[in-house]
Amino acid sequence: MNCRQSDSDYHAMDKNKLQQLITDLRHELQAADSADEASKELLRRTAAEIDEAVGTGQVSDDRHRSIREQLEKSAINFEADHPRIAAVVESIIDTLGKIGI
């Protein structure tokens, strides 16, 4: 019996992890009363775009770069005052890379 998991199994696990991270991000953003509202809204929109990309399985290279750049900027912006948000964003970046987005 072969105990190796297929690439599609790992891809599905990463998608599930990504969905959980996005849920975590939304909760952290809601709890972060002192965070800049514009920055929080930008992250919410980016999370919605990730949801759409994962749902359809389609994302252009330009959109992929834009999402990644926005997440990287957000991680830096939130790092000092909201390290939990920054950590979730960094985990999202990692997971997106694993699933090819």
PDB file of N, CA and C in Angstrom:
ATOM      1  N   MET A   1       0.832  -1.178   0.000  1.00  0.00           N
ATOM      2  CA  MET A   1       0.000   0.000   0.000  1.00  0.00           C
ATOM      3  C   MET A   1       0.880   1.246   0.000  1.00  0.00           C
ATOM      4  N   ASN A   2       0.592   2.161  -0.873  1.00  0.00           N
ATOM      5  CA  ASN A   2       1.367   3.376  -1.002  1.00  0.00           C
ATOM      6  C   ASN A   2       0.793   4.441  -0.076  1.00  0.00           C
ATOM      7  N   CYS A   3       1.618   4.968   0.828  1.00  0.00           N
ATOM      8  CA  CYS A   3       1.155   5.945   1.810  1.00  0.00           C
ATOM      9  C   CYS A   3       1.413   7.381   1.367  1.00  0.00           C
ATOM     10  N   ARG A   4       1.993   7.550   0.176  1.00  0.00           N
ATOM     11  CA  ARG A   4       2.255   8.908  -0.308  1.00  0.00           C
ATOM     12  C   ARG A   4       0.966   9.593  -0.714  1.00  0.00           C
ATOM     13  N   GLN A   5       0.875  10.848  -0.344  1.00  0.00           N
ATOM     14  CA  GLN A   5      -0.271  11.620  -0.774  1.00  0.00           C
ATOM     15  C   GLN A   5       0.042  12.251  -2.124  1.00  0.00           C
ATOM     16  N   SER A   6      -0.958  12.355  -2.944  1.00  0.00           N
ATOM     17  CA  SER A   6      -0.757  12.948  -4.261  1.00  0.00           C
ATOM     18  C   SER A   6      -0.623  14.456  -4.145  1.00  0.00           C
ATOM     19  N   ASP A   7      -0.099  15.063  -5.208  1.00  0.00           N
ATOM     20  CA  ASP A   7       0.022  16.517  -5.238  1.00  0.00           C
ATOM     21  C   ASP A   7      -1.343  17.178  -5.086  1.00  0.00           C
ATOM     22  N   SER A   8      -2.368  16.567  -5.668  1.00  0.00           N
ATOM     23  CA  SER A   8      -3.708  17.156  -5.558  1.00  0.00           C
ATOM     24  C   SER A   8      -4.210  17.116  -4.116  1.00  0.00           C
ATOM     25  N   ASP A   9      -3.815  16.095  -3.355  1.00  0.00           N
ATOM     26  CA  ASP A   9      -4.184  16.051  -1.928  1.00  0.00           C
ATOM     27  C   ASP A   9      -3.532  17.204  -1.168  1.00  0.00           C
ATOM     28  N   TYR A  10      -2.244  17.437  -1.445  1.00  0.00           N
ATOM     29  CA  TYR A  10      -1.552  18.539  -0.784  1.00  0.00           C
ATOM     30  C   TYR A  10      -2.148  19.876  -1.222  1.00  0.00           C
ATOM     31  N   HIS A  11      -2.479  19.992  -2.504  1.00  0.00           N
ATOM     32  CA  HIS A  11      -3.080  21.219  -3.030  1.00  0.00           C
ATOM     33  C   HIS A  11      -4.415  21.485  -2.326  1.00  0.00           C
ATOM     34  N   ALA A  12      -5.213  20.453  -2.139  1.00  0.00           N
ATOM     35  CA  ALA A  12      -6.506  20.602  -1.456  1.00  0.00           C
ATOM     36  C   ALA A  12      -6.294  20.998   0.005  1.00  0.00           C
ATOM     37  N   MET A  13      -5.300  20.400   0.656  1.00  0.00           N
ATOM     38  CA  MET A  13      -5.012  20.761   2.053  1.00  0.00           C
ATOM     39  C   MET A  13      -4.570  22.216   2.149  1.00  0.00           C
ATOM     40  N   ASP A  14      -3.740  22.654   1.187  1.00  0.00           N
ATOM     41  CA  ASP A  14      -3.291  24.034   1.191  1.00  0.00           C
ATOM     42  C   ASP A  14      -4.450  24.996   0.945  1.00  0.00           C
ATOM     43  N   LYS A  15      -5.385  24.618   0.068  1.00  0.00           N
ATOM     44  CA  LYS A  15      -6.559  25.463  -0.164  1.00  0.00           C
ATOM     45  C   LYS A  15      -7.397  25.568   1.108  1.00  0.00           C
ATOM     46  N   ASN A  16      -7.559  24.447   1.809  1.00  0.00           N
ATOM     47  CA  ASN A  16      -8.303  24.474   3.077  1.00  0.00           C
ATOM     48  C   ASN A  16      -7.586  25.347   4.100  1.00  0.00           C
ATOM     49  N   LYS A  17      -6.273  25.226   4.157  1.00  0.00           N
ATOM     50  CA  LYS A  17      -5.492  26.049   5.081  1.00  0.00           C
ATOM     51  C   LYS A  17      -5.647  27.527   4.718  1.00  0.00           C
ATOM     52  N   LEU A  18      -5.636  27.827   3.426  1.00  0.00           N
ATOM     53  CA  LEU A  18      -5.792  29.201   2.978  1.00  0.00           C
ATOM     54  C   LEU A  18      -7.146  29.761   3.395  1.00  0.00           C
ATOM     55  N   GLN A  19      -8.187  28.970   3.232  1.00  0.00           N
ATOM     56  CA  GLN A  19      -9.519  29.426   3.647  1.00  0.00           C
ATOM     57  C   GLN A  19      -9.560  29.712   5.144  1.00  0.00           C
ATOM     58  N   GLN A  20      -8.914  28.863   5.930  1.00  0.00           N
ATOM     59  CA  GLN A  20      -8.872  29.083   7.374  1.00  0.00           C
ATOM     60  C   GLN A  20      -8.083  30.343   7.713  1.00  0.00           C
ATOM     61  N   LEU A  21      -6.978  30.563   7.000  1.00  0.00           N
ATOM     62  CA  LEU A  21      -6.182  31.769   7.237  1.00  0.00           C
ATOM     63  C   LEU A  21      -6.962  33.032   6.884  1.00  0.00           C
ATOM     64  N   ILE A  22      -7.724  32.992   5.813  1.00  0.00           N
ATOM     65  CA  ILE A  22      -8.536  34.152   5.436  1.00  0.00           C
ATOM     66  C   ILE A  22      -9.602  34.417   6.497  1.00  0.00           C
ATOM     67  N   THR A  23     -10.201  33.356   7.014  1.00  0.00           N
ATOM     68  CA  THR A  23     -11.167  33.510   8.112  1.00  0.00           C
ATOM     69  C   THR A  23     -10.477  34.121   9.329  1.00  0.00           C
ATOM     70  N   ASP A  24      -9.292  33.622   9.655  1.00  0.00           N
ATOM     71  CA  ASP A  24      -8.525  34.170  10.777  1.00  0.00           C
ATOM     72  C   ASP A  24      -8.214  35.654  10.551  1.00  0.00           C
ATOM     73  N   LEU A  25      -7.831  35.997   9.324  1.00  0.00           N
ATOM     74  CA  LEU A  25      -7.518  37.389   9.002  1.00  0.00           C
ATOM     75  C   LEU A  25      -8.741  38.275   9.214  1.00  0.00           C
ATOM     76  N   ARG A  26      -9.877  37.826   8.746  1.00  0.00           N
ATOM     77  CA  ARG A  26     -11.104  38.619   8.920  1.00  0.00           C
ATOM     78  C   ARG A  26     -11.418  38.838  10.403  1.00  0.00           C
ATOM     79  N   HIS A  27     -11.218  37.805  11.211  1.00  0.00           N
ATOM     80  CA  HIS A  27     -11.459  37.944  12.658  1.00  0.00           C
ATOM     81  C   HIS A  27     -10.461  38.921  13.285  1.00  0.00           C
ATOM     82  N   GLU A  28      -9.209  38.814  12.901  1.00  0.00           N
ATOM     83  CA  GLU A  28      -8.183  39.715  13.442  1.00  0.00           C
ATOM     84  C   GLU A  28      -8.461  41.158  13.034  1.00  0.00           C
ATOM     85  N   LEU A  29      -8.875  41.363  11.787  1.00  0.00           N
ATOM     86  CA  LEU A  29      -9.187  42.721  11.330  1.00  0.00           C
ATOM     87  C   LEU A  29     -10.372  43.300  12.099  1.00  0.00           C
ATOM     88  N   GLN A  30     -11.354  42.478  12.355  1.00  0.00           N
ATOM     89  CA  GLN A  30     -12.529  42.934  13.107  1.00  0.00           C
ATOM     90  C   GLN A  30     -12.147  43.311  14.538  1.00  0.00           C
ATOM     91  N   ALA A  31     -11.215  42.578  15.117  1.00  0.00           N
ATOM     92  CA  ALA A  31     -10.818  42.814  16.505  1.00  0.00           C
ATOM     93  C   ALA A  31      -9.832  43.975  16.648  1.00  0.00           C
ATOM     94  N   ALA A  32      -9.215  44.390  15.560  1.00  0.00           N
ATOM     95  CA  ALA A  32      -8.177  45.427  15.614  1.00  0.00           C
ATOM     96  C   ALA A  32      -8.802  46.811  15.547  1.00  0.00           C
ATOM     97  N   ASP A  33      -9.293  47.268  16.670  1.00  0.00           N
ATOM     98  CA  ASP A  33      -9.973  48.560  16.726  1.00  0.00           C
ATOM     99  C   ASP A  33      -9.061  49.734  16.393  1.00  0.00           C
ATOM    100  N   SER A  34      -7.804  49.628  16.753  1.00  0.00           N
ATOM    101  CA  SER A  34      -6.904  50.771  16.576  1.00  0.00           C
ATOM    102  C   SER A  34      -6.257  50.821  15.191  1.00  0.00           C
ATOM    103  N   ALA A  35      -6.506  49.831  14.358  1.00  0.00           N
ATOM    104  CA  ALA A  35      -5.896  49.809  13.025  1.00  0.00           C
ATOM    105  C   ALA A  35      -6.583  50.806  12.104  1.00  0.00           C
ATOM    106  N   ASP A  36      -5.810  51.316  11.178  1.00  0.00           N
ATOM    107  CA  ASP A  36      -6.302  52.248  10.174  1.00  0.00           C
ATOM    108  C   ASP A  36      -7.398  51.585   9.338  1.00  0.00           C
ATOM    109  N   GLU A  37      -8.546  52.227   9.276  1.00  0.00           N
ATOM    110  CA  GLU A  37      -9.716  51.645   8.593  1.00  0.00           C
ATOM    111  C   GLU A  37      -9.459  51.422   7.103  1.00  0.00           C
ATOM    112  N   ALA A  38      -8.747  52.329   6.459  1.00  0.00           N
ATOM    113  CA  ALA A  38      -8.450  52.176   5.028  1.00  0.00           C
ATOM    114  C   ALA A  38      -7.561  50.955   4.782  1.00  0.00           C
ATOM    115  N   SER A  39      -6.586  50.751   5.642  1.00  0.00           N
ATOM    116  CA  SER A  39      -5.700  49.589   5.507  1.00  0.00           C
ATOM    117  C   SER A  39      -6.455  48.289   5.745  1.00  0.00           C
ATOM    118  N   LYS A  40      -7.342  48.313   6.728  1.00  0.00           N
ATOM    119  CA  LYS A  40      -8.153  47.127   7.004  1.00  0.00           C
ATOM    120  C   LYS A  40      -9.061  46.809   5.818  1.00  0.00           C
ATOM    121  N   GLU A  41      -9.666  47.831   5.226  1.00  0.00           N
ATOM    122  CA  GLU A  41     -10.557  47.622   4.090  1.00  0.00           C
ATOM    123  C   GLU A  41      -9.798  47.086   2.880  1.00  0.00           C
ATOM    124  N   LEU A  42      -8.595  47.569   2.661  1.00  0.00           N
ATOM    125  CA  LEU A  42      -7.782  47.075   1.561  1.00  0.00           C
ATOM    126  C   LEU A  42      -7.468  45.586   1.744  1.00  0.00           C
ATOM    127  N   LEU A  43      -7.163  45.187   2.967  1.00  0.00           N
ATOM    128  CA  LEU A  43      -6.912  43.771   3.244  1.00  0.00           C
ATOM    129  C   LEU A  43      -8.181  42.941   3.072  1.00  0.00           C
ATOM    130  N   ARG A  44      -9.315  43.484   3.472  1.00  0.00           N
ATOM    131  CA  ARG A  44     -10.588  42.766   3.280  1.00  0.00           C
ATOM    132  C   ARG A  44     -10.850  42.525   1.791  1.00  0.00           C
ATOM    133  N   ARG A  45     -10.611  43.560   0.975  1.00  0.00           N
ATOM    134  CA  ARG A  45     -10.815  43.407  -0.472  1.00  0.00           C
ATOM    135  C   ARG A  45      -9.842  42.402  -1.064  1.00  0.00           C
ATOM    136  N   THR A  46      -8.605  42.433  -0.598  1.00  0.00           N
ATOM    137  CA  THR A  46      -7.605  41.480  -1.079  1.00  0.00           C
ATOM    138  C   THR A  46      -8.011  40.061  -0.696  1.00  0.00           C
ATOM    139  N   ALA A  47      -8.512  39.881   0.518  1.00  0.00           N
ATOM    140  CA  ALA A  47      -8.980  38.556   0.949  1.00  0.00           C
ATOM    141  C   ALA A  47     -10.128  38.076   0.066  1.00  0.00           C
ATOM    142  N   ALA A  48     -11.025  38.977  -0.307  1.00  0.00           N
ATOM    143  CA  ALA A  48     -12.132  38.606  -1.181  1.00  0.00           C
ATOM    144  C   ALA A  48     -11.617  38.206  -2.563  1.00  0.00           C
ATOM    145  N   GLU A  49     -10.609  38.891  -3.053  1.00  0.00           N
ATOM    146  CA  GLU A  49     -10.022  38.542  -4.343  1.00  0.00           C
ATOM    147  C   GLU A  49      -9.352  37.170  -4.281  1.00  0.00           C
ATOM    148  N   ILE A  50      -8.716  36.870  -3.161  1.00  0.00           N
ATOM    149  CA  ILE A  50      -8.094  35.548  -2.990  1.00  0.00           C
ATOM    150  C   ILE A  50      -9.176  34.480  -2.977  1.00  0.00           C
ATOM    151  N   ASP A  51     -10.254  34.726  -2.245  1.00  0.00           N
ATOM    152  CA  ASP A  51     -11.379  33.782  -2.235  1.00  0.00           C
ATOM    153  C   ASP A  51     -11.854  33.494  -3.654  1.00  0.00           C
ATOM    154  N   GLU A  52     -11.997  34.557  -4.441  1.00  0.00           N
ATOM    155  CA  GLU A  52     -12.469  34.395  -5.819  1.00  0.00           C
ATOM    156  C   GLU A  52     -11.462  33.603  -6.653  1.00  0.00           C
ATOM    157  N   ALA A  53     -10.186  33.924  -6.510  1.00  0.00           N
ATOM    158  CA  ALA A  53      -9.153  33.231  -7.276  1.00  0.00           C
ATOM    159  C   ALA A  53      -9.100  31.743  -6.927  1.00  0.00           C
ATOM    160  N   VAL A  54      -9.222  31.431  -5.652  1.00  0.00           N
ATOM    161  CA  VAL A  54      -9.204  30.038  -5.222  1.00  0.00           C
ATOM    162  C   VAL A  54     -10.465  29.322  -5.700  1.00  0.00           C
ATOM    163  N   GLY A  55     -11.584  30.010  -5.642  1.00  0.00           N
ATOM    164  CA  GLY A  55     -12.853  29.419  -6.069  1.00  0.00           C
ATOM    165  C   GLY A  55     -12.884  29.088  -7.541  1.00  0.00           C
ATOM    166  N   THR A  56     -12.358  29.997  -8.361  1.00  0.00           N
ATOM    167  CA  THR A  56     -12.377  29.778  -9.805  1.00  0.00           C
ATOM    168  C   THR A  56     -11.153  29.017 -10.287  1.00  0.00           C
ATOM    169  N   GLY A  57     -10.091  29.075  -9.505  1.00  0.00           N
ATOM    170  CA  GLY A  57      -8.847  28.436  -9.917  1.00  0.00           C
ATOM    171  C   GLY A  57      -8.124  29.217 -10.995  1.00  0.00           C
ATOM    172  N   GLN A  58      -8.593  30.431 -11.255  1.00  0.00           N
ATOM    173  CA  GLN A  58      -8.000  31.242 -12.310  1.00  0.00           C
ATOM    174  C   GLN A  58      -7.573  32.588 -11.762  1.00  0.00           C
ATOM    175  N   VAL A  59      -6.351  32.941 -12.068  1.00  0.00           N
ATOM    176  CA  VAL A  59      -5.852  34.265 -11.719  1.00  0.00           C
ATOM    177  C   VAL A  59      -4.750  34.613 -12.717  1.00  0.00           C
ATOM    178  N   SER A  60      -4.829  35.797 -13.279  1.00  0.00           N
ATOM    179  CA  SER A  60      -3.823  36.215 -14.254  1.00  0.00           C
ATOM    180  C   SER A  60      -2.501  36.466 -13.534  1.00  0.00           C
ATOM    181  N   ASP A  61      -1.419  36.440 -14.301  1.00  0.00           N
ATOM    182  CA  ASP A  61      -0.112  36.711 -13.715  1.00  0.00           C
ATOM    183  C   ASP A  61      -0.050  38.107 -13.107  1.00  0.00           C
ATOM    184  N   ASP A  62      -0.653  39.075 -13.795  1.00  0.00           N
ATOM    185  CA  ASP A  62      -0.664  40.443 -13.264  1.00  0.00           C
ATOM    186  C   ASP A  62      -1.434  40.512 -11.950  1.00  0.00           C
ATOM    187  N   ARG A  63      -2.574  39.857 -11.899  1.00  0.00           N
ATOM    188  CA  ARG A  63      -3.390  39.856 -10.676  1.00  0.00           C
ATOM    189  C   ARG A  63      -2.661  39.137  -9.554  1.00  0.00           C
ATOM    190  N   HIS A  64      -1.981  38.050  -9.896  1.00  0.00           N
ATOM    191  CA  HIS A  64      -1.190  37.291  -8.924  1.00  0.00           C
ATOM    192  C   HIS A  64      -0.141  38.192  -8.286  1.00  0.00           C
ATOM    193  N   ARG A  65       0.587  38.923  -9.116  1.00  0.00           N
ATOM    194  CA  ARG A  65       1.619  39.837  -8.596  1.00  0.00           C
ATOM    195  C   ARG A  65       1.002  40.934  -7.743  1.00  0.00           C
ATOM    196  N   SER A  66      -0.118  41.470  -8.196  1.00  0.00           N
ATOM    197  CA  SER A  66      -0.791  42.539  -7.464  1.00  0.00           C
ATOM    198  C   SER A  66      -1.246  42.071  -6.081  1.00  0.00           C
ATOM    199  N   ILE A  67      -1.844  40.887  -6.020  1.00  0.00           N
ATOM    200  CA  ILE A  67      -2.289  40.329  -4.733  1.00  0.00           C
ATOM    201  C   ILE A  67      -1.094  40.139  -3.809  1.00  0.00           C
ATOM    202  N   ARG A  68      -0.046  39.541  -4.337  1.00  0.00           N
ATOM    203  CA  ARG A  68       1.139  39.267  -3.518  1.00  0.00           C
ATOM    204  C   ARG A  68       1.769  40.571  -3.018  1.00  0.00           C
ATOM    205  N   GLU A  69       1.908  41.558  -3.911  1.00  0.00           N
ATOM    206  CA  GLU A  69       2.495  42.836  -3.510  1.00  0.00           C
ATOM    207  C   GLU A  69       1.650  43.511  -2.438  1.00  0.00           C
ATOM    208  N   GLN A  70       0.341  43.477  -2.601  1.00  0.00           N
ATOM    209  CA  GLN A  70      -0.542  44.098  -1.614  1.00  0.00           C
ATOM    210  C   GLN A  70      -0.402  43.412  -0.260  1.00  0.00           C
ATOM    211  N   LEU A  71      -0.339  42.098  -0.277  1.00  0.00           N
ATOM    212  CA  LEU A  71      -0.182  41.362   0.980  1.00  0.00           C
ATOM    213  C   LEU A  71       1.153  41.683   1.647  1.00  0.00           C
ATOM    214  N   GLU A  72       2.213  41.751   0.852  1.00  0.00           N
ATOM    215  CA  GLU A  72       3.527  42.061   1.415  1.00  0.00           C
ATOM    216  C   GLU A  72       3.543  43.458   2.042  1.00  0.00           C
ATOM    217  N   LYS A  73       2.938  44.446   1.361  1.00  0.00           N
ATOM    218  CA  LYS A  73       2.862  45.796   1.912  1.00  0.00           C
ATOM    219  C   LYS A  73       2.037  45.804   3.194  1.00  0.00           C
ATOM    220  N   SER A  74       0.947  45.071   3.191  1.00  0.00           N
ATOM    221  CA  SER A  74       0.086  45.020   4.374  1.00  0.00           C
ATOM    222  C   SER A  74       0.805  44.394   5.556  1.00  0.00           C
ATOM    223  N   ALA A  75       1.559  43.339   5.305  1.00  0.00           N
ATOM    224  CA  ALA A  75       2.308  42.694   6.392  1.00  0.00           C
ATOM    225  C   ALA A  75       3.267  43.689   7.035  1.00  0.00           C
ATOM    226  N   ILE A  76       3.943  44.472   6.206  1.00  0.00           N
ATOM    227  CA  ILE A  76       4.877  45.479   6.729  1.00  0.00           C
ATOM    228  C   ILE A  76       4.123  46.562   7.502  1.00  0.00           C
ATOM    229  N   ASN A  77       3.009  47.033   6.938  1.00  0.00           N
ATOM    230  CA  ASN A  77       2.239  48.105   7.587  1.00  0.00           C
ATOM    231  C   ASN A  77       1.684  47.698   8.943  1.00  0.00           C
ATOM    232  N   PHE A  78       1.277  46.452   9.079  1.00  0.00           N
ATOM    233  CA  PHE A  78       0.658  46.004  10.322  1.00  0.00           C
ATOM    234  C   PHE A  78       1.661  45.426  11.321  1.00  0.00           C
ATOM    235  N   GLU A  79       2.884  45.188  10.885  1.00  0.00           N
ATOM    236  CA  GLU A  79       3.860  44.471  11.701  1.00  0.00           C
ATOM    237  C   GLU A  79       4.096  45.074  13.086  1.00  0.00           C
ATOM    238  N   ALA A  80       4.280  46.364  13.165  1.00  0.00           N
ATOM    239  CA  ALA A  80       4.625  46.980  14.455  1.00  0.00           C
ATOM    240  C   ALA A  80       3.454  47.012  15.430  1.00  0.00           C
ATOM    241  N   ASP A  81       2.301  47.460  14.964  1.00  0.00           N
ATOM    242  CA  ASP A  81       1.170  47.655  15.871  1.00  0.00           C
ATOM    243  C   ASP A  81       0.229  46.460  15.967  1.00  0.00           C
ATOM    244  N   HIS A  82       0.232  45.621  14.958  1.00  0.00           N
ATOM    245  CA  HIS A  82      -0.680  44.476  14.922  1.00  0.00           C
ATOM    246  C   HIS A  82       0.060  43.237  14.402  1.00  0.00           C
ATOM    247  N   PRO A  83       0.995  42.719  15.208  1.00  0.00           N
ATOM    248  CA  PRO A  83       1.821  41.604  14.742  1.00  0.00           C
ATOM    249  C   PRO A  83       1.023  40.335  14.412  1.00  0.00           C
ATOM    250  N   ARG A  84      -0.116  40.138  15.048  1.00  0.00           N
ATOM    251  CA  ARG A  84      -0.921  38.945  14.729  1.00  0.00           C
ATOM    252  C   ARG A  84      -1.497  39.040  13.325  1.00  0.00           C
ATOM    253  N   ILE A  85      -1.935  40.229  12.940  1.00  0.00           N
ATOM    254  CA  ILE A  85      -2.429  40.415  11.575  1.00  0.00           C
ATOM    255  C   ILE A  85      -1.284  40.182  10.590  1.00  0.00           C
ATOM    256  N   ALA A  86      -0.135  40.756  10.874  1.00  0.00           N
ATOM    257  CA  ALA A  86       1.027  40.585   9.993  1.00  0.00           C
ATOM    258  C   ALA A  86       1.402  39.109   9.857  1.00  0.00           C
ATOM    259  N   ALA A  87       1.358  38.369  10.954  1.00  0.00           N
ATOM    260  CA  ALA A  87       1.702  36.944  10.909  1.00  0.00           C
ATOM    261  C   ALA A  87       0.715  36.157  10.057  1.00  0.00           C
ATOM    262  N   VAL A  88      -0.572  36.472  10.173  1.00  0.00           N
ATOM    263  CA  VAL A  88      -1.578  35.785   9.351  1.00  0.00           C
ATOM    264  C   VAL A  88      -1.362  36.118   7.876  1.00  0.00           C
ATOM    265  N   VAL A  89      -1.085  37.376   7.589  1.00  0.00           N
ATOM    266  CA  VAL A  89      -0.848  37.787   6.201  1.00  0.00           C
ATOM    267  C   VAL A  89       0.366  37.054   5.634  1.00  0.00           C
ATOM    268  N   GLU A  90       1.432  36.951   6.408  1.00  0.00           N
ATOM    269  CA  GLU A  90       2.627  36.234   5.952  1.00  0.00           C
ATOM    270  C   GLU A  90       2.323  34.754   5.708  1.00  0.00           C
ATOM    271  N   SER A  91       1.503  34.161   6.545  1.00  0.00           N
ATOM    272  CA  SER A  91       1.096  32.766   6.327  1.00  0.00           C
ATOM    273  C   SER A  91       0.266  32.627   5.053  1.00  0.00           C
ATOM    274  N   ILE A  92      -0.576  33.619   4.778  1.00  0.00           N
ATOM    275  CA  ILE A  92      -1.368  33.611   3.541  1.00  0.00           C
ATOM    276  C   ILE A  92      -0.434  33.682   2.333  1.00  0.00           C
ATOM    277  N   ILE A  93       0.569  34.542   2.390  1.00  0.00           N
ATOM    278  CA  ILE A  93       1.535  34.654   1.296  1.00  0.00           C
ATOM    279  C   ILE A  93       2.204  33.308   1.047  1.00  0.00           C
ATOM    280  N   ASP A  94       2.648  32.655   2.106  1.00  0.00           N
ATOM    281  CA  ASP A  94       3.284  31.334   2.000  1.00  0.00           C
ATOM    282  C   ASP A  94       2.360  30.321   1.340  1.00  0.00           C
ATOM    283  N   THR A  95       1.148  30.272   1.828  1.00  0.00           N
ATOM    284  CA  THR A  95       0.181  29.280   1.333  1.00  0.00           C
ATOM    285  C   THR A  95      -0.192  29.555  -0.108  1.00  0.00           C
ATOM    286  N   LEU A  96      -0.347  30.821  -0.485  1.00  0.00           N
ATOM    287  CA  LEU A  96      -0.615  31.162  -1.882  1.00  0.00           C
ATOM    288  C   LEU A  96       0.495  30.653  -2.786  1.00  0.00           C
ATOM    289  N   GLY A  97       1.732  30.803  -2.331  1.00  0.00           N
ATOM    290  CA  GLY A  97       2.861  30.301  -3.114  1.00  0.00           C
ATOM    291  C   GLY A  97       2.808  28.798  -3.313  1.00  0.00           C
ATOM    292  N   LYS A  98       2.362  28.089  -2.287  1.00  0.00           N
ATOM    293  CA  LYS A  98       2.276  26.624  -2.381  1.00  0.00           C
ATOM    294  C   LYS A  98       1.217  26.159  -3.360  1.00  0.00           C
ATOM    295  N   ILE A  99       0.154  26.956  -3.525  1.00  0.00           N
ATOM    296  CA  ILE A  99      -0.905  26.541  -4.448  1.00  0.00           C
ATOM    297  C   ILE A  99      -0.787  27.239  -5.803  1.00  0.00           C
ATOM    298  N   GLY A 100       0.263  28.024  -5.978  1.00  0.00           N
ATOM    299  CA  GLY A 100       0.511  28.620  -7.272  1.00  0.00           C
ATOM    300  C   GLY A 100      -0.227  29.892  -7.576  1.00  0.00           C
ATOM    301  N   ILE A 101      -0.623  30.601  -6.533  1.00  0.00           N
ATOM    302  CA  ILE A 101      -1.286  31.895  -6.749  1.00  0.00           C
ATOM    303  C   ILE A 101      -0.378  32.992  -6.248  1.00  0.00           C
TER     304      ILE A 101
END
